[in-house]
């Protein structure tokens, strides 16, 4: 794994930790693998693919001012590119 990682700590109830541990074991995964996959799956649902590819890219969805400027008939030709 060449990607640099950052540590993330969360507090959960003992019951939640127990359930995570059981679910991970059912999939023959470590808790780290299970939680990482669960987070990635949720991010895939919640964020469009474009933010995953380049979170710094300019997008109308990220800036209402840009959305207003870009949402016009003249610039519609660029949508087809």
N, C-alpha and C. Protein backbone atom coordinates (compact mmCIF):
# COMPACT_ATOMS: atom_id res chain seq x y z
N UNK A 1 0.86 -1.18 0.00
CA UNK A 1 0.00 0.00 0.00
C UNK A 1 0.91 1.24 0.00
N UNK A 2 0.98 1.93 -1.12
CA UNK A 2 1.86 3.08 -1.27
C UNK A 2 1.24 4.38 -0.79
N UNK A 3 -0.06 4.39 -0.62
CA UNK A 3 -0.76 5.61 -0.23
C UNK A 3 -0.45 5.97 1.21
N UNK A 4 -0.10 7.24 1.43
CA UNK A 4 0.18 7.69 2.79
C UNK A 4 -1.14 7.75 3.58
N UNK A 5 -1.10 7.29 4.81
CA UNK A 5 -2.31 7.24 5.62
C UNK A 5 -2.25 8.23 6.76
N UNK A 6 -3.43 8.60 7.25
CA UNK A 6 -3.55 9.46 8.43
C UNK A 6 -4.38 8.69 9.46
N UNK A 7 -4.06 8.88 10.71
CA UNK A 7 -4.77 8.19 11.78
C UNK A 7 -6.09 8.87 12.07
N UNK A 8 -7.11 8.06 12.31
CA UNK A 8 -8.44 8.54 12.66
C UNK A 8 -8.89 7.76 13.88
N UNK A 9 -9.28 8.47 14.92
CA UNK A 9 -9.75 7.81 16.14
C UNK A 9 -11.21 8.17 16.37
N UNK A 10 -11.99 7.17 16.72
CA UNK A 10 -13.39 7.42 17.06
C UNK A 10 -13.72 6.64 18.33
N UNK A 11 -14.68 7.13 19.07
CA UNK A 11 -15.17 6.43 20.25
C UNK A 11 -16.51 5.79 19.90
N UNK A 12 -16.64 4.53 20.23
CA UNK A 12 -17.90 3.82 20.03
C UNK A 12 -18.25 3.10 21.33
N UNK A 13 -19.48 2.71 21.44
CA UNK A 13 -19.88 1.95 22.62
C UNK A 13 -19.24 0.56 22.56
N UNK A 14 -19.18 -0.07 23.70
CA UNK A 14 -18.64 -1.43 23.75
C UNK A 14 -19.46 -2.37 22.87
N UNK A 15 -20.76 -2.16 22.87
CA UNK A 15 -21.65 -3.00 22.05
C UNK A 15 -21.35 -2.80 20.55
N UNK A 16 -21.14 -1.57 20.14
CA UNK A 16 -20.82 -1.30 18.73
C UNK A 16 -19.49 -1.94 18.37
N UNK A 17 -18.51 -1.83 19.24
CA UNK A 17 -17.21 -2.45 18.98
C UNK A 17 -17.36 -3.96 18.87
N UNK A 18 -18.15 -4.54 19.73
CA UNK A 18 -18.38 -5.99 19.68
C UNK A 18 -19.01 -6.38 18.35
N UNK A 19 -19.99 -5.61 17.91
CA UNK A 19 -20.67 -5.90 16.65
C UNK A 19 -19.74 -5.75 15.45
N UNK A 20 -18.90 -4.73 15.48
CA UNK A 20 -17.91 -4.54 14.41
C UNK A 20 -16.95 -5.72 14.37
N UNK A 21 -16.48 -6.12 15.54
CA UNK A 21 -15.55 -7.25 15.62
C UNK A 21 -16.18 -8.53 15.07
N UNK A 22 -17.45 -8.77 15.41
CA UNK A 22 -18.14 -9.96 14.90
C UNK A 22 -18.34 -9.89 13.38
N UNK A 23 -18.76 -8.73 12.90
CA UNK A 23 -18.98 -8.57 11.46
C UNK A 23 -17.68 -8.73 10.68
N UNK A 24 -16.60 -8.19 11.21
CA UNK A 24 -15.30 -8.33 10.56
C UNK A 24 -14.88 -9.80 10.52
N UNK A 25 -15.08 -10.50 11.63
CA UNK A 25 -14.73 -11.92 11.69
C UNK A 25 -15.54 -12.74 10.70
N UNK A 26 -16.81 -12.41 10.52
CA UNK A 26 -17.64 -13.13 9.55
C UNK A 26 -17.11 -12.98 8.13
N UNK A 27 -16.44 -11.87 7.87
CA UNK A 27 -15.86 -11.63 6.54
C UNK A 27 -14.39 -12.00 6.50
N UNK A 28 -13.89 -12.58 7.59
CA UNK A 28 -12.48 -12.95 7.70
C UNK A 28 -11.58 -11.74 7.44
N UNK A 29 -11.94 -10.62 8.08
CA UNK A 29 -11.19 -9.37 7.95
C UNK A 29 -10.78 -8.87 9.32
N UNK A 30 -9.78 -8.00 9.31
CA UNK A 30 -9.44 -7.29 10.54
C UNK A 30 -10.48 -6.19 10.75
N UNK A 31 -10.52 -5.67 11.96
CA UNK A 31 -11.43 -4.56 12.22
C UNK A 31 -11.06 -3.38 11.34
N UNK A 32 -9.76 -3.13 11.16
CA UNK A 32 -9.30 -2.03 10.31
C UNK A 32 -9.81 -2.20 8.88
N UNK A 33 -9.70 -3.42 8.32
CA UNK A 33 -10.17 -3.66 6.95
C UNK A 33 -11.68 -3.45 6.85
N UNK A 34 -12.40 -3.98 7.82
CA UNK A 34 -13.85 -3.88 7.80
C UNK A 34 -14.32 -2.43 7.86
N UNK A 35 -13.76 -1.68 8.82
CA UNK A 35 -14.16 -0.28 8.99
C UNK A 35 -13.74 0.55 7.77
N UNK A 36 -12.55 0.32 7.24
CA UNK A 36 -12.09 1.06 6.07
C UNK A 36 -13.02 0.83 4.88
N UNK A 37 -13.39 -0.43 4.64
CA UNK A 37 -14.29 -0.73 3.54
C UNK A 37 -15.67 -0.11 3.76
N UNK A 38 -16.14 -0.14 5.00
CA UNK A 38 -17.45 0.44 5.29
C UNK A 38 -17.45 1.95 5.05
N UNK A 39 -16.38 2.61 5.46
CA UNK A 39 -16.28 4.06 5.25
C UNK A 39 -16.20 4.36 3.76
N UNK A 40 -15.38 3.63 3.02
CA UNK A 40 -15.26 3.85 1.57
C UNK A 40 -16.61 3.64 0.86
N UNK A 41 -17.35 2.62 1.28
CA UNK A 41 -18.66 2.38 0.67
C UNK A 41 -19.61 3.54 0.93
N UNK A 42 -19.60 4.06 2.14
CA UNK A 42 -20.46 5.19 2.49
C UNK A 42 -20.06 6.44 1.72
N UNK A 43 -18.74 6.68 1.60
CA UNK A 43 -18.26 7.83 0.84
C UNK A 43 -18.66 7.72 -0.63
N UNK A 44 -18.62 6.52 -1.18
CA UNK A 44 -19.02 6.32 -2.57
C UNK A 44 -20.48 6.70 -2.76
N UNK A 45 -21.32 6.40 -1.77
CA UNK A 45 -22.74 6.77 -1.84
C UNK A 45 -22.96 8.26 -1.65
N UNK A 46 -22.21 8.86 -0.75
CA UNK A 46 -22.45 10.25 -0.35
C UNK A 46 -21.77 11.29 -1.23
N UNK A 47 -20.65 10.94 -1.85
CA UNK A 47 -19.91 11.91 -2.65
C UNK A 47 -19.85 11.48 -4.11
N UNK A 48 -19.99 12.41 -5.00
CA UNK A 48 -19.90 12.05 -6.42
C UNK A 48 -18.48 11.60 -6.76
N UNK A 49 -18.36 10.82 -7.83
CA UNK A 49 -17.06 10.31 -8.25
C UNK A 49 -16.06 11.41 -8.50
N UNK A 50 -16.52 12.57 -8.97
CA UNK A 50 -15.58 13.64 -9.31
C UNK A 50 -14.84 14.16 -8.07
N UNK A 51 -15.47 14.16 -6.92
CA UNK A 51 -14.77 14.64 -5.72
C UNK A 51 -13.75 13.62 -5.27
N UNK A 52 -14.00 12.36 -5.53
CA UNK A 52 -13.04 11.33 -5.16
C UNK A 52 -11.81 11.41 -6.04
N UNK A 53 -12.00 11.72 -7.33
CA UNK A 53 -10.87 11.80 -8.25
C UNK A 53 -10.00 13.01 -7.96
N UNK A 54 -10.61 14.16 -7.72
CA UNK A 54 -9.84 15.38 -7.48
C UNK A 54 -10.63 16.30 -6.56
N UNK A 55 -10.41 16.22 -5.25
CA UNK A 55 -11.20 17.01 -4.31
C UNK A 55 -11.00 18.51 -4.44
N UNK A 56 -9.94 18.94 -5.14
CA UNK A 56 -9.69 20.38 -5.28
C UNK A 56 -10.24 20.93 -6.59
N UNK A 57 -10.82 20.08 -7.43
CA UNK A 57 -11.32 20.54 -8.73
C UNK A 57 -12.46 21.53 -8.56
N UNK A 58 -12.51 22.50 -9.45
CA UNK A 58 -13.60 23.48 -9.42
C UNK A 58 -14.86 22.81 -9.95
N UNK A 59 -15.91 22.89 -9.18
CA UNK A 59 -17.19 22.30 -9.57
C UNK A 59 -18.30 23.23 -9.16
N UNK A 60 -19.33 23.26 -9.96
CA UNK A 60 -20.49 24.07 -9.64
C UNK A 60 -21.14 23.58 -8.34
N UNK A 61 -21.11 22.27 -8.11
CA UNK A 61 -21.73 21.73 -6.89
C UNK A 61 -21.00 22.19 -5.63
N UNK A 62 -19.74 22.56 -5.76
CA UNK A 62 -18.97 22.98 -4.60
C UNK A 62 -19.08 24.47 -4.32
N UNK A 63 -19.57 25.23 -5.29
CA UNK A 63 -19.60 26.68 -5.14
C UNK A 63 -20.84 27.26 -5.82
N UNK A 64 -21.81 27.76 -5.06
CA UNK A 64 -23.04 28.28 -5.64
C UNK A 64 -22.81 29.43 -6.62
N UNK A 65 -21.79 30.25 -6.39
CA UNK A 65 -21.49 31.35 -7.31
C UNK A 65 -21.08 30.79 -8.66
N UNK A 66 -20.21 29.78 -8.65
CA UNK A 66 -19.81 29.16 -9.90
C UNK A 66 -21.00 28.50 -10.58
N UNK A 67 -21.86 27.88 -9.82
CA UNK A 67 -23.03 27.24 -10.40
C UNK A 67 -23.89 28.26 -11.15
N UNK A 68 -24.07 29.42 -10.57
CA UNK A 68 -24.87 30.45 -11.22
C UNK A 68 -24.18 30.96 -12.48
N UNK A 69 -22.88 31.14 -12.43
CA UNK A 69 -22.14 31.62 -13.59
C UNK A 69 -22.11 30.59 -14.71
N UNK A 70 -21.94 29.32 -14.36
CA UNK A 70 -21.78 28.28 -15.36
C UNK A 70 -23.10 27.77 -15.91
N UNK A 71 -24.19 27.98 -15.22
CA UNK A 71 -25.48 27.46 -15.66
C UNK A 71 -26.15 28.47 -16.58
N UNK A 72 -25.68 28.52 -17.82
CA UNK A 72 -26.26 29.43 -18.80
C UNK A 72 -26.11 28.83 -20.19
N UNK A 73 -26.92 29.29 -21.15
CA UNK A 73 -26.91 28.71 -22.50
C UNK A 73 -25.57 28.85 -23.22
N UNK A 74 -24.85 29.93 -22.99
CA UNK A 74 -23.57 30.14 -23.67
C UNK A 74 -22.55 29.08 -23.26
N UNK A 75 -22.50 28.79 -21.98
CA UNK A 75 -21.54 27.81 -21.49
C UNK A 75 -22.03 26.37 -21.60
N UNK A 76 -23.26 26.16 -22.03
CA UNK A 76 -23.81 24.82 -22.15
C UNK A 76 -23.00 23.98 -23.15
N UNK A 77 -22.37 24.62 -24.12
CA UNK A 77 -21.55 23.88 -25.10
C UNK A 77 -20.42 23.14 -24.41
N UNK A 78 -19.90 23.69 -23.33
CA UNK A 78 -18.81 23.03 -22.62
C UNK A 78 -19.26 21.79 -21.86
N UNK A 79 -20.56 21.69 -21.56
CA UNK A 79 -21.07 20.53 -20.86
C UNK A 79 -20.93 19.27 -21.69
N UNK A 80 -20.95 19.43 -23.02
CA UNK A 80 -20.87 18.28 -23.92
C UNK A 80 -19.44 17.74 -24.06
N UNK A 81 -18.46 18.50 -23.62
CA UNK A 81 -17.06 18.08 -23.78
C UNK A 81 -16.69 16.96 -22.86
